[in-house]
Amino acid sequence: MNDRPHLDEEALAELQDVMDEEFDVLIHTYLSDSAERISSLRSALDEGDADALSRTAHSFKGSCLNIGAPRLGALCMEVEEAGRASRLSALEPLLASIESEFRQVRQGLERFLAD
């Protein structure tokens, strides 16, 4: 997993070209939605709701991969698979990794927007 970058800058540059003036809105929306999804993942884990955990992780994975955050997407895939298998006991460290990786992605996206 560590061989994946926090952000795929080529994919971001392409997305920026396609989205043009809407790119900043897309990034801000992604950041806001991601924070909500992380909160939802934590709530689902606290409630022991494997199905909600899996569904939220699946959705979050897709948005991460679309925005160019492959490492975060891979972490979400691990949570999705664990949720499907109802292996919730092992997810606390994985959610901590998602939170940490999201901080890295947020910082990278904010730098990308500032350039």
PDB file of N, CA and C in Angstrom:
ATOM      1  N   MET A   1       0.826  -1.199   0.000  1.00  0.00           N
ATOM      2  CA  MET A   1       0.000   0.000   0.000  1.00  0.00           C
ATOM      3  C   MET A   1       0.863   1.253   0.000  1.00  0.00           C
ATOM      4  N   ASN A   2       1.992   1.212   0.719  1.00  0.00           N
ATOM      5  CA  ASN A   2       2.825   2.403   0.818  1.00  0.00           C
ATOM      6  C   ASN A   2       3.475   2.786  -0.496  1.00  0.00           C
ATOM      7  N   ASP A   3       3.412   1.893  -1.497  1.00  0.00           N
ATOM      8  CA  ASP A   3       3.967   2.239  -2.800  1.00  0.00           C
ATOM      9  C   ASP A   3       3.006   3.121  -3.591  1.00  0.00           C
ATOM     10  N   ARG A   4       1.799   3.270  -3.108  1.00  0.00           N
ATOM     11  CA  ARG A   4       0.825   4.152  -3.767  1.00  0.00           C
ATOM     12  C   ARG A   4       1.014   5.573  -3.252  1.00  0.00           C
ATOM     13  N   PRO A   5       0.880   6.543  -4.140  1.00  0.00           N
ATOM     14  CA  PRO A   5       1.030   7.936  -3.687  1.00  0.00           C
ATOM     15  C   PRO A   5      -0.212   8.393  -2.913  1.00  0.00           C
ATOM     16  N   HIS A   6      -0.011   9.437  -2.109  1.00  0.00           N
ATOM     17  CA  HIS A   6      -1.170  10.036  -1.437  1.00  0.00           C
ATOM     18  C   HIS A   6      -2.116  10.590  -2.499  1.00  0.00           C
ATOM     19  N   LEU A   7      -1.537  11.264  -3.501  1.00  0.00           N
ATOM     20  CA  LEU A   7      -2.332  11.849  -4.587  1.00  0.00           C
ATOM     21  C   LEU A   7      -1.698  11.519  -5.926  1.00  0.00           C
ATOM     22  N   ASP A   8      -2.530  11.227  -6.883  1.00  0.00           N
ATOM     23  CA  ASP A   8      -2.100  11.015  -8.266  1.00  0.00           C
ATOM     24  C   ASP A   8      -2.197  12.377  -8.953  1.00  0.00           C
ATOM     25  N   GLU A   9      -1.082  13.075  -9.006  1.00  0.00           N
ATOM     26  CA  GLU A   9      -1.102  14.448  -9.515  1.00  0.00           C
ATOM     27  C   GLU A   9      -1.431  14.517 -11.001  1.00  0.00           C
ATOM     28  N   GLU A  10      -1.082  13.478 -11.750  1.00  0.00           N
ATOM     29  CA  GLU A  10      -1.459  13.441 -13.170  1.00  0.00           C
ATOM     30  C   GLU A  10      -2.970  13.379 -13.316  1.00  0.00           C
ATOM     31  N   ALA A  11      -3.593  12.501 -12.533  1.00  0.00           N
ATOM     32  CA  ALA A  11      -5.050  12.374 -12.585  1.00  0.00           C
ATOM     33  C   ALA A  11      -5.711  13.675 -12.146  1.00  0.00           C
ATOM     34  N   LEU A  12      -5.146  14.322 -11.121  1.00  0.00           N
ATOM     35  CA  LEU A  12      -5.696  15.604 -10.661  1.00  0.00           C
ATOM     36  C   LEU A  12      -5.577  16.670 -11.742  1.00  0.00           C
ATOM     37  N   ALA A  13      -4.450  16.718 -12.430  1.00  0.00           N
ATOM     38  CA  ALA A  13      -4.253  17.707 -13.492  1.00  0.00           C
ATOM     39  C   ALA A  13      -5.251  17.476 -14.628  1.00  0.00           C
ATOM     40  N   GLU A  14      -5.476  16.211 -14.967  1.00  0.00           N
ATOM     41  CA  GLU A  14      -6.463  15.899 -16.009  1.00  0.00           C
ATOM     42  C   GLU A  14      -7.862  16.306 -15.569  1.00  0.00           C
ATOM     43  N   LEU A  15      -8.182  16.002 -14.319  1.00  0.00           N
ATOM     44  CA  LEU A  15      -9.486  16.370 -13.777  1.00  0.00           C
ATOM     45  C   LEU A  15      -9.656  17.892 -13.775  1.00  0.00           C
ATOM     46  N   GLN A  16      -8.584  18.583 -13.442  1.00  0.00           N
ATOM     47  CA  GLN A  16      -8.619  20.041 -13.432  1.00  0.00           C
ATOM     48  C   GLN A  16      -8.870  20.582 -14.843  1.00  0.00           C
ATOM     49  N   ASP A  17      -8.251  19.973 -15.840  1.00  0.00           N
ATOM     50  CA  ASP A  17      -8.473  20.393 -17.229  1.00  0.00           C
ATOM     51  C   ASP A  17      -9.919  20.171 -17.647  1.00  0.00           C
ATOM     52  N   VAL A  18     -10.459  19.023 -17.277  1.00  0.00           N
ATOM     53  CA  VAL A  18     -11.829  18.686 -17.665  1.00  0.00           C
ATOM     54  C   VAL A  18     -12.849  19.558 -16.926  1.00  0.00           C
ATOM     55  N   MET A  19     -12.630  19.741 -15.626  1.00  0.00           N
ATOM     56  CA  MET A  19     -13.597  20.466 -14.796  1.00  0.00           C
ATOM     57  C   MET A  19     -13.478  21.980 -14.933  1.00  0.00           C
ATOM     58  N   ASP A  20     -12.300  22.445 -15.338  1.00  0.00           N
ATOM     59  CA  ASP A  20     -12.033  23.870 -15.535  1.00  0.00           C
ATOM     60  C   ASP A  20     -12.409  24.676 -14.284  1.00  0.00           C
ATOM     61  N   GLU A  21     -13.346  25.569 -14.390  1.00  0.00           N
ATOM     62  CA  GLU A  21     -13.693  26.463 -13.288  1.00  0.00           C
ATOM     63  C   GLU A  21     -14.407  25.747 -12.139  1.00  0.00           C
ATOM     64  N   GLU A  22     -14.952  24.584 -12.394  1.00  0.00           N
ATOM     65  CA  GLU A  22     -15.673  23.830 -11.359  1.00  0.00           C
ATOM     66  C   GLU A  22     -14.739  22.947 -10.525  1.00  0.00           C
ATOM     67  N   PHE A  23     -13.460  22.922 -10.880  1.00  0.00           N
ATOM     68  CA  PHE A  23     -12.515  22.047 -10.189  1.00  0.00           C
ATOM     69  C   PHE A  23     -12.431  22.369  -8.695  1.00  0.00           C
ATOM     70  N   ASP A  24     -12.312  23.633  -8.344  1.00  0.00           N
ATOM     71  CA  ASP A  24     -12.219  24.019  -6.931  1.00  0.00           C
ATOM     72  C   ASP A  24     -13.459  23.568  -6.156  1.00  0.00           C
ATOM     73  N   VAL A  25     -14.616  23.723  -6.774  1.00  0.00           N
ATOM     74  CA  VAL A  25     -15.865  23.299  -6.131  1.00  0.00           C
ATOM     75  C   VAL A  25     -15.844  21.781  -5.904  1.00  0.00           C
ATOM     76  N   LEU A  26     -15.382  21.054  -6.913  1.00  0.00           N
ATOM     77  CA  LEU A  26     -15.296  19.596  -6.808  1.00  0.00           C
ATOM     78  C   LEU A  26     -14.392  19.193  -5.644  1.00  0.00           C
ATOM     79  N   ILE A  27     -13.242  19.810  -5.535  1.00  0.00           N
ATOM     80  CA  ILE A  27     -12.293  19.468  -4.471  1.00  0.00           C
ATOM     81  C   ILE A  27     -12.885  19.799  -3.099  1.00  0.00           C
ATOM     82  N   HIS A  28     -13.464  20.966  -2.970  1.00  0.00           N
ATOM     83  CA  HIS A  28     -14.060  21.348  -1.683  1.00  0.00           C
ATOM     84  C   HIS A  28     -15.215  20.424  -1.309  1.00  0.00           C
ATOM     85  N   THR A  29     -16.004  20.020  -2.293  1.00  0.00           N
ATOM     86  CA  THR A  29     -17.100  19.082  -2.056  1.00  0.00           C
ATOM     87  C   THR A  29     -16.552  17.725  -1.621  1.00  0.00           C
ATOM     88  N   TYR A  30     -15.513  17.260  -2.319  1.00  0.00           N
ATOM     89  CA  TYR A  30     -14.881  15.990  -1.956  1.00  0.00           C
ATOM     90  C   TYR A  30     -14.376  16.034  -0.508  1.00  0.00           C
ATOM     91  N   LEU A  31     -13.704  17.122  -0.142  1.00  0.00           N
ATOM     92  CA  LEU A  31     -13.159  17.231   1.213  1.00  0.00           C
ATOM     93  C   LEU A  31     -14.266  17.219   2.267  1.00  0.00           C
ATOM     94  N   SER A  32     -15.318  17.949   2.011  1.00  0.00           N
ATOM     95  CA  SER A  32     -16.440  17.997   2.949  1.00  0.00           C
ATOM     96  C   SER A  32     -17.135  16.640   3.055  1.00  0.00           C
ATOM     97  N   ASP A  33     -17.426  16.048   1.891  1.00  0.00           N
ATOM     98  CA  ASP A  33     -18.088  14.739   1.876  1.00  0.00           C
ATOM     99  C   ASP A  33     -17.226  13.670   2.545  1.00  0.00           C
ATOM    100  N   SER A  34     -15.926  13.750   2.320  1.00  0.00           N
ATOM    101  CA  SER A  34     -15.016  12.755   2.898  1.00  0.00           C
ATOM    102  C   SER A  34     -15.012  12.830   4.416  1.00  0.00           C
ATOM    103  N   ALA A  35     -14.998  14.033   4.952  1.00  0.00           N
ATOM    104  CA  ALA A  35     -15.047  14.185   6.411  1.00  0.00           C
ATOM    105  C   ALA A  35     -16.329  13.567   6.963  1.00  0.00           C
ATOM    106  N   GLU A  36     -17.439  13.768   6.259  1.00  0.00           N
ATOM    107  CA  GLU A  36     -18.710  13.173   6.691  1.00  0.00           C
ATOM    108  C   GLU A  36     -18.666  11.651   6.592  1.00  0.00           C
ATOM    109  N   ARG A  37     -18.048  11.140   5.537  1.00  0.00           N
ATOM    110  CA  ARG A  37     -17.969   9.686   5.373  1.00  0.00           C
ATOM    111  C   ARG A  37     -17.100   9.055   6.454  1.00  0.00           C
ATOM    112  N   ILE A  38     -16.015   9.718   6.807  1.00  0.00           N
ATOM    113  CA  ILE A  38     -15.165   9.196   7.880  1.00  0.00           C
ATOM    114  C   ILE A  38     -15.951   9.153   9.186  1.00  0.00           C
ATOM    115  N   SER A  39     -16.720  10.181   9.443  1.00  0.00           N
ATOM    116  CA  SER A  39     -17.567  10.205  10.636  1.00  0.00           C
ATOM    117  C   SER A  39     -18.594   9.071  10.586  1.00  0.00           C
ATOM    118  N   SER A  40     -19.158   8.835   9.415  1.00  0.00           N
ATOM    119  CA  SER A  40     -20.128   7.737   9.251  1.00  0.00           C
ATOM    120  C   SER A  40     -19.470   6.381   9.457  1.00  0.00           C
ATOM    121  N   LEU A  41     -18.231   6.225   8.969  1.00  0.00           N
ATOM    122  CA  LEU A  41     -17.510   4.967   9.182  1.00  0.00           C
ATOM    123  C   LEU A  41     -17.300   4.729  10.669  1.00  0.00           C
ATOM    124  N   ARG A  42     -16.892   5.761  11.363  1.00  0.00           N
ATOM    125  CA  ARG A  42     -16.640   5.645  12.805  1.00  0.00           C
ATOM    126  C   ARG A  42     -17.941   5.291  13.534  1.00  0.00           C
ATOM    127  N   SER A  43     -19.049   5.961  13.176  1.00  0.00           N
ATOM    128  CA  SER A  43     -20.344   5.669  13.811  1.00  0.00           C
ATOM    129  C   SER A  43     -20.776   4.230  13.544  1.00  0.00           C
ATOM    130  N   ALA A  44     -20.629   3.789  12.294  1.00  0.00           N
ATOM    131  CA  ALA A  44     -21.017   2.415  11.953  1.00  0.00           C
ATOM    132  C   ALA A  44     -20.187   1.410  12.742  1.00  0.00           C
ATOM    133  N   LEU A  45     -18.899   1.688  12.904  1.00  0.00           N
ATOM    134  CA  LEU A  45     -18.056   0.789  13.683  1.00  0.00           C
ATOM    135  C   LEU A  45     -18.491   0.792  15.148  1.00  0.00           C
ATOM    136  N   ASP A  46     -18.731   1.977  15.688  1.00  0.00           N
ATOM    137  CA  ASP A  46     -19.165   2.082  17.092  1.00  0.00           C
ATOM    138  C   ASP A  46     -20.473   1.340  17.336  1.00  0.00           C
ATOM    139  N   GLU A  47     -21.358   1.353  16.325  1.00  0.00           N
ATOM    140  CA  GLU A  47     -22.659   0.689  16.447  1.00  0.00           C
ATOM    141  C   GLU A  47     -22.603  -0.787  16.050  1.00  0.00           C
ATOM    142  N   GLY A  48     -21.464  -1.229  15.538  1.00  0.00           N
ATOM    143  CA  GLY A  48     -21.340  -2.617  15.106  1.00  0.00           C
ATOM    144  C   GLY A  48     -22.145  -2.927  13.861  1.00  0.00           C
ATOM    145  N   ASP A  49     -22.366  -1.919  13.020  1.00  0.00           N
ATOM    146  CA  ASP A  49     -23.177  -2.075  11.810  1.00  0.00           C
ATOM    147  C   ASP A  49     -22.278  -2.368  10.611  1.00  0.00           C
ATOM    148  N   ALA A  50     -21.998  -3.645  10.399  1.00  0.00           N
ATOM    149  CA  ALA A  50     -21.092  -4.071   9.336  1.00  0.00           C
ATOM    150  C   ALA A  50     -21.605  -3.678   7.950  1.00  0.00           C
ATOM    151  N   ASP A  51     -22.914  -3.747   7.737  1.00  0.00           N
ATOM    152  CA  ASP A  51     -23.480  -3.412   6.439  1.00  0.00           C
ATOM    153  C   ASP A  51     -23.289  -1.927   6.120  1.00  0.00           C
ATOM    154  N   ALA A  52     -23.591  -1.068   7.077  1.00  0.00           N
ATOM    155  CA  ALA A  52     -23.403   0.375   6.865  1.00  0.00           C
ATOM    156  C   ALA A  52     -21.931   0.700   6.666  1.00  0.00           C
ATOM    157  N   LEU A  53     -21.079   0.028   7.391  1.00  0.00           N
ATOM    158  CA  LEU A  53     -19.646   0.229   7.262  1.00  0.00           C
ATOM    159  C   LEU A  53     -19.188  -0.134   5.855  1.00  0.00           C
ATOM    160  N   SER A  54     -19.618  -1.266   5.378  1.00  0.00           N
ATOM    161  CA  SER A  54     -19.235  -1.727   4.041  1.00  0.00           C
ATOM    162  C   SER A  54     -19.754  -0.788   2.951  1.00  0.00           C
ATOM    163  N   ARG A  55     -21.024  -0.389   3.064  1.00  0.00           N
ATOM    164  CA  ARG A  55     -21.608   0.504   2.051  1.00  0.00           C
ATOM    165  C   ARG A  55     -20.914   1.870   2.034  1.00  0.00           C
ATOM    166  N   THR A  56     -20.662   2.420   3.208  1.00  0.00           N
ATOM    167  CA  THR A  56     -20.014   3.733   3.283  1.00  0.00           C
ATOM    168  C   THR A  56     -18.590   3.652   2.748  1.00  0.00           C
ATOM    169  N   ALA A  57     -17.872   2.596   3.120  1.00  0.00           N
ATOM    170  CA  ALA A  57     -16.505   2.418   2.641  1.00  0.00           C
ATOM    171  C   ALA A  57     -16.474   2.253   1.121  1.00  0.00           C
ATOM    172  N   HIS A  58     -17.447   1.539   0.567  1.00  0.00           N
ATOM    173  CA  HIS A  58     -17.521   1.351  -0.885  1.00  0.00           C
ATOM    174  C   HIS A  58     -17.708   2.696  -1.591  1.00  0.00           C
ATOM    175  N   SER A  59     -18.624   3.484  -1.104  1.00  0.00           N
ATOM    176  CA  SER A  59     -18.892   4.795  -1.690  1.00  0.00           C
ATOM    177  C   SER A  59     -17.674   5.717  -1.567  1.00  0.00           C
ATOM    178  N   PHE A  60     -17.066   5.710  -0.392  1.00  0.00           N
ATOM    179  CA  PHE A  60     -15.896   6.542  -0.135  1.00  0.00           C
ATOM    180  C   PHE A  60     -14.734   6.116  -1.032  1.00  0.00           C
ATOM    181  N   LYS A  61     -14.567   4.805  -1.203  1.00  0.00           N
ATOM    182  CA  LYS A  61     -13.514   4.273  -2.080  1.00  0.00           C
ATOM    183  C   LYS A  61     -13.653   4.838  -3.485  1.00  0.00           C
ATOM    184  N   GLY A  62     -14.857   4.830  -4.006  1.00  0.00           N
ATOM    185  CA  GLY A  62     -15.089   5.333  -5.359  1.00  0.00           C
ATOM    186  C   GLY A  62     -14.735   6.795  -5.497  1.00  0.00           C
ATOM    187  N   SER A  63     -15.126   7.606  -4.536  1.00  0.00           N
ATOM    188  CA  SER A  63     -14.824   9.032  -4.633  1.00  0.00           C
ATOM    189  C   SER A  63     -13.326   9.278  -4.496  1.00  0.00           C
ATOM    190  N   CYS A  64     -12.654   8.499  -3.670  1.00  0.00           N
ATOM    191  CA  CYS A  64     -11.201   8.644  -3.518  1.00  0.00           C
ATOM    192  C   CYS A  64     -10.477   8.304  -4.817  1.00  0.00           C
ATOM    193  N   LEU A  65     -10.883   7.214  -5.435  1.00  0.00           N
ATOM    194  CA  LEU A  65     -10.239   6.820  -6.681  1.00  0.00           C
ATOM    195  C   LEU A  65     -10.542   7.815  -7.794  1.00  0.00           C
ATOM    196  N   ASN A  66     -11.754   8.347  -7.819  1.00  0.00           N
ATOM    197  CA  ASN A  66     -12.114   9.336  -8.841  1.00  0.00           C
ATOM    198  C   ASN A  66     -11.341  10.633  -8.691  1.00  0.00           C
ATOM    199  N   ILE A  67     -11.032  11.015  -7.464  1.00  0.00           N
ATOM    200  CA  ILE A  67     -10.361  12.284  -7.219  1.00  0.00           C
ATOM    201  C   ILE A  67      -8.837  12.129  -7.342  1.00  0.00           C
ATOM    202  N   GLY A  68      -8.355  10.911  -7.324  1.00  0.00           N
ATOM    203  CA  GLY A  68      -6.922  10.685  -7.450  1.00  0.00           C
ATOM    204  C   GLY A  68      -6.222  10.479  -6.119  1.00  0.00           C
ATOM    205  N   ALA A  69      -6.895   9.797  -5.174  1.00  0.00           N
ATOM    206  CA  ALA A  69      -6.310   9.483  -3.863  1.00  0.00           C
ATOM    207  C   ALA A  69      -6.232   7.958  -3.718  1.00  0.00           C
ATOM    208  N   PRO A  70      -5.283   7.316  -4.423  1.00  0.00           N
ATOM    209  CA  PRO A  70      -5.269   5.852  -4.486  1.00  0.00           C
ATOM    210  C   PRO A  70      -4.994   5.151  -3.167  1.00  0.00           C
ATOM    211  N   ARG A  71      -4.133   5.716  -2.332  1.00  0.00           N
ATOM    212  CA  ARG A  71      -3.834   5.059  -1.052  1.00  0.00           C
ATOM    213  C   ARG A  71      -5.063   5.078  -0.151  1.00  0.00           C
ATOM    214  N   LEU A  72      -5.762   6.204  -0.117  1.00  0.00           N
ATOM    215  CA  LEU A  72      -6.981   6.307   0.684  1.00  0.00           C
ATOM    216  C   LEU A  72      -8.051   5.367   0.129  1.00  0.00           C
ATOM    217  N   GLY A  73      -8.142   5.285  -1.183  1.00  0.00           N
ATOM    218  CA  GLY A  73      -9.091   4.362  -1.808  1.00  0.00           C
ATOM    219  C   GLY A  73      -8.808   2.915  -1.435  1.00  0.00           C
ATOM    220  N   ALA A  74      -7.526   2.543  -1.387  1.00  0.00           N
ATOM    221  CA  ALA A  74      -7.150   1.175  -1.026  1.00  0.00           C
ATOM    222  C   ALA A  74      -7.507   0.874   0.430  1.00  0.00           C
ATOM    223  N   LEU A  75      -7.316   1.847   1.305  1.00  0.00           N
ATOM    224  CA  LEU A  75      -7.709   1.663   2.708  1.00  0.00           C
ATOM    225  C   LEU A  75      -9.212   1.470   2.826  1.00  0.00           C
ATOM    226  N   CYS A  76      -9.960   2.248   2.064  1.00  0.00           N
ATOM    227  CA  CYS A  76     -11.421   2.102   2.071  1.00  0.00           C
ATOM    228  C   CYS A  76     -11.839   0.726   1.574  1.00  0.00           C
ATOM    229  N   MET A  77     -11.122   0.211   0.591  1.00  0.00           N
ATOM    230  CA  MET A  77     -11.432  -1.117   0.081  1.00  0.00           C
ATOM    231  C   MET A  77     -11.219  -2.172   1.172  1.00  0.00           C
ATOM    232  N   GLU A  78     -10.169  -2.002   1.974  1.00  0.00           N
ATOM    233  CA  GLU A  78      -9.934  -2.939   3.072  1.00  0.00           C
ATOM    234  C   GLU A  78     -11.085  -2.898   4.080  1.00  0.00           C
ATOM    235  N   VAL A  79     -11.559  -1.691   4.377  1.00  0.00           N
ATOM    236  CA  VAL A  79     -12.688  -1.558   5.313  1.00  0.00           C
ATOM    237  C   VAL A  79     -13.942  -2.176   4.708  1.00  0.00           C
ATOM    238  N   GLU A  80     -14.167  -1.920   3.428  1.00  0.00           N
ATOM    239  CA  GLU A  80     -15.335  -2.488   2.750  1.00  0.00           C
ATOM    240  C   GLU A  80     -15.323  -4.014   2.852  1.00  0.00           C
ATOM    241  N   GLU A  81     -14.186  -4.609   2.554  1.00  0.00           N
ATOM    242  CA  GLU A  81     -14.081  -6.068   2.595  1.00  0.00           C
ATOM    243  C   GLU A  81     -14.258  -6.604   4.014  1.00  0.00           C
ATOM    244  N   ALA A  82     -13.678  -5.923   4.991  1.00  0.00           N
ATOM    245  CA  ALA A  82     -13.829  -6.351   6.385  1.00  0.00           C
ATOM    246  C   ALA A  82     -15.281  -6.230   6.827  1.00  0.00           C
ATOM    247  N   GLY A  83     -15.953  -5.175   6.388  1.00  0.00           N
ATOM    248  CA  GLY A  83     -17.365  -5.011   6.721  1.00  0.00           C
ATOM    249  C   GLY A  83     -18.212  -6.116   6.121  1.00  0.00           C
ATOM    250  N   ARG A  84     -17.933  -6.458   4.873  1.00  0.00           N
ATOM    251  CA  ARG A  84     -18.686  -7.547   4.231  1.00  0.00           C
ATOM    252  C   ARG A  84     -18.499  -8.869   4.956  1.00  0.00           C
ATOM    253  N   ALA A  85     -17.287  -9.060   5.499  1.00  0.00           N
ATOM    254  CA  ALA A  85     -16.981 -10.303   6.203  1.00  0.00           C
ATOM    255  C   ALA A  85     -17.304 -10.202   7.697  1.00  0.00           C
ATOM    256  N   SER A  86     -17.873  -9.082   8.120  1.00  0.00           N
ATOM    257  CA  SER A  86     -18.201  -8.824   9.528  1.00  0.00           C
ATOM    258  C   SER A  86     -16.996  -8.979  10.454  1.00  0.00           C
ATOM    259  N   ARG A  87     -15.827  -8.571   9.965  1.00  0.00           N
ATOM    260  CA  ARG A  87     -14.604  -8.593  10.778  1.00  0.00           C
ATOM    261  C   ARG A  87     -14.386  -7.198  11.368  1.00  0.00           C
ATOM    262  N   LEU A  88     -15.247  -6.804  12.260  1.00  0.00           N
ATOM    263  CA  LEU A  88     -15.206  -5.446  12.791  1.00  0.00           C
ATOM    264  C   LEU A  88     -14.132  -5.244  13.844  1.00  0.00           C
ATOM    265  N   SER A  89     -13.712  -6.300  14.507  1.00  0.00           N
ATOM    266  CA  SER A  89     -12.753  -6.157  15.605  1.00  0.00           C
ATOM    267  C   SER A  89     -11.406  -5.630  15.133  1.00  0.00           C
ATOM    268  N   ALA A  90     -11.073  -5.839  13.873  1.00  0.00           N
ATOM    269  CA  ALA A  90      -9.770  -5.416  13.358  1.00  0.00           C
ATOM    270  C   ALA A  90      -9.804  -4.032  12.724  1.00  0.00           C
ATOM    271  N   LEU A  91     -10.938  -3.360  12.770  1.00  0.00           N
ATOM    272  CA  LEU A  91     -11.081  -2.128  11.995  1.00  0.00           C
ATOM    273  C   LEU A  91     -10.628  -0.846  12.686  1.00  0.00           C
ATOM    274  N   GLU A  92     -10.492  -0.849  13.970  1.00  0.00           N
ATOM    275  CA  GLU A  92     -10.092   0.385  14.652  1.00  0.00           C
ATOM    276  C   GLU A  92      -8.770   0.942  14.107  1.00  0.00           C
ATOM    277  N   PRO A  93      -7.710   0.115  14.005  1.00  0.00           N
ATOM    278  CA  PRO A  93      -6.462   0.661  13.455  1.00  0.00           C
ATOM    279  C   PRO A  93      -6.602   1.089  11.992  1.00  0.00           C
ATOM    280  N   LEU A  94      -7.442   0.391  11.256  1.00  0.00           N
ATOM    281  CA  LEU A  94      -7.650   0.738   9.850  1.00  0.00           C
ATOM    282  C   LEU A  94      -8.370   2.081   9.721  1.00  0.00           C
ATOM    283  N   LEU A  95      -9.350   2.328  10.574  1.00  0.00           N
ATOM    284  CA  LEU A  95     -10.017   3.637  10.552  1.00  0.00           C
ATOM    285  C   LEU A  95      -9.051   4.742  10.953  1.00  0.00           C
ATOM    286  N   ALA A  96      -8.173   4.461  11.893  1.00  0.00           N
ATOM    287  CA  ALA A  96      -7.149   5.444  12.266  1.00  0.00           C
ATOM    288  C   ALA A  96      -6.238   5.732  11.072  1.00  0.00           C
ATOM    289  N   SER A  97      -5.919   4.703  10.299  1.00  0.00           N
ATOM    290  CA  SER A  97      -5.103   4.892   9.090  1.00  0.00           C
ATOM    291  C   SER A  97      -5.843   5.735   8.058  1.00  0.00           C
ATOM    292  N   ILE A  98      -7.149   5.516   7.925  1.00  0.00           N
ATOM    293  CA  ILE A  98      -7.954   6.310   6.996  1.00  0.00           C
ATOM    294  C   ILE A  98      -7.947   7.778   7.429  1.00  0.00           C
ATOM    295  N   GLU A  99      -8.118   8.013   8.711  1.00  0.00           N
ATOM    296  CA  GLU A  99      -8.120   9.395   9.212  1.00  0.00           C
ATOM    297  C   GLU A  99      -6.775  10.067   8.957  1.00  0.00           C
ATOM    298  N   SER A 100      -5.700   9.343   9.201  1.00  0.00           N
ATOM    299  CA  SER A 100      -4.359   9.874   8.983  1.00  0.00           C
ATOM    300  C   SER A 100      -4.108  10.135   7.494  1.00  0.00           C
ATOM    301  N   GLU A 101      -4.482   9.180   6.665  1.00  0.00           N
ATOM    302  CA  GLU A 101      -4.282   9.333   5.219  1.00  0.00           C
ATOM    303  C   GLU A 101      -5.127  10.481   4.679  1.00  0.00           C
ATOM    304  N   PHE A 102      -6.342  10.626   5.199  1.00  0.00           N
ATOM    305  CA  PHE A 102      -7.185  11.729   4.738  1.00  0.00           C
ATOM    306  C   PHE A 102      -6.543  13.074   5.065  1.00  0.00           C
ATOM    307  N   ARG A 103      -5.875  13.178   6.214  1.00  0.00           N
ATOM    308  CA  ARG A 103      -5.164  14.428   6.537  1.00  0.00           C
ATOM    309  C   ARG A 103      -4.090  14.709   5.489  1.00  0.00           C
ATOM    310  N   GLN A 104      -3.379  13.673   5.068  1.00  0.00           N
ATOM    311  CA  GLN A 104      -2.355  13.832   4.033  1.00  0.00           C
ATOM    312  C   GLN A 104      -2.985  14.269   2.701  1.00  0.00           C
ATOM    313  N   VAL A 105      -4.082  13.630   2.348  1.00  0.00           N
ATOM    314  CA  VAL A 105      -4.780  13.957   1.099  1.00  0.00           C
ATOM    315  C   VAL A 105      -5.297  15.394   1.153  1.00  0.00           C
ATOM    316  N   ARG A 106      -5.908  15.772   2.266  1.00  0.00           N
ATOM    317  CA  ARG A 106      -6.427  17.128   2.421  1.00  0.00           C
ATOM    318  C   ARG A 106      -5.302  18.159   2.216  1.00  0.00           C
ATOM    319  N   GLN A 107      -4.177  17.934   2.876  1.00  0.00           N
ATOM    320  CA  GLN A 107      -3.054  18.865   2.739  1.00  0.00           C
ATOM    321  C   GLN A 107      -2.567  18.929   1.295  1.00  0.00           C
ATOM    322  N   GLY A 108      -2.472  17.774   0.654  1.00  0.00           N
ATOM    323  CA  GLY A 108      -2.034  17.741  -0.739  1.00  0.00           C
ATOM    324  C   GLY A 108      -2.999  18.451  -1.667  1.00  0.00           C
ATOM    325  N   LEU A 109      -4.285  18.250  -1.451  1.00  0.00           N
ATOM    326  CA  LEU A 109      -5.288  18.915  -2.292  1.00  0.00           C
ATOM    327  C   LEU A 109      -5.287  20.418  -2.052  1.00  0.00           C
ATOM    328  N   GLU A 110      -5.114  20.826  -0.813  1.00  0.00           N
ATOM    329  CA  GLU A 110      -5.066  22.257  -0.524  1.00  0.00           C
ATOM    330  C   GLU A 110      -3.838  22.901  -1.177  1.00  0.00           C
ATOM    331  N   ARG A 111      -2.700  22.197  -1.160  1.00  0.00           N
ATOM    332  CA  ARG A 111      -1.499  22.700  -1.866  1.00  0.00           C
ATOM    333  C   ARG A 111      -1.751  22.757  -3.368  1.00  0.00           C
ATOM    334  N   PHE A 112      -2.409  21.723  -3.897  1.00  0.00           N
ATOM    335  CA  PHE A 112      -2.687  21.661  -5.333  1.00  0.00           C
ATOM    336  C   PHE A 112      -3.561  22.842  -5.753  1.00  0.00           C
ATOM    337  N   LEU A 113      -4.548  23.153  -4.928  1.00  0.00           N
ATOM    338  CA  LEU A 113      -5.436  24.290  -5.233  1.00  0.00           C
ATOM    339  C   LEU A 113      -4.695  25.625  -5.157  1.00  0.00           C
ATOM    340  N   ALA A 114      -3.720  25.709  -4.254  1.00  0.00           N
ATOM    341  CA  ALA A 114      -2.999  26.963  -4.058  1.00  0.00           C
ATOM    342  C   ALA A 114      -2.029  27.250  -5.215  1.00  0.00           C
ATOM    343  N   ASP A 115      -1.620  26.201  -5.923  1.00  0.00           N
ATOM    344  CA  ASP A 115      -0.659  26.399  -7.043  1.00  0.00           C
ATOM    345  C   ASP A 115      -1.287  27.058  -8.237  1.00  0.00           C
TER     346      ASP A 115
END
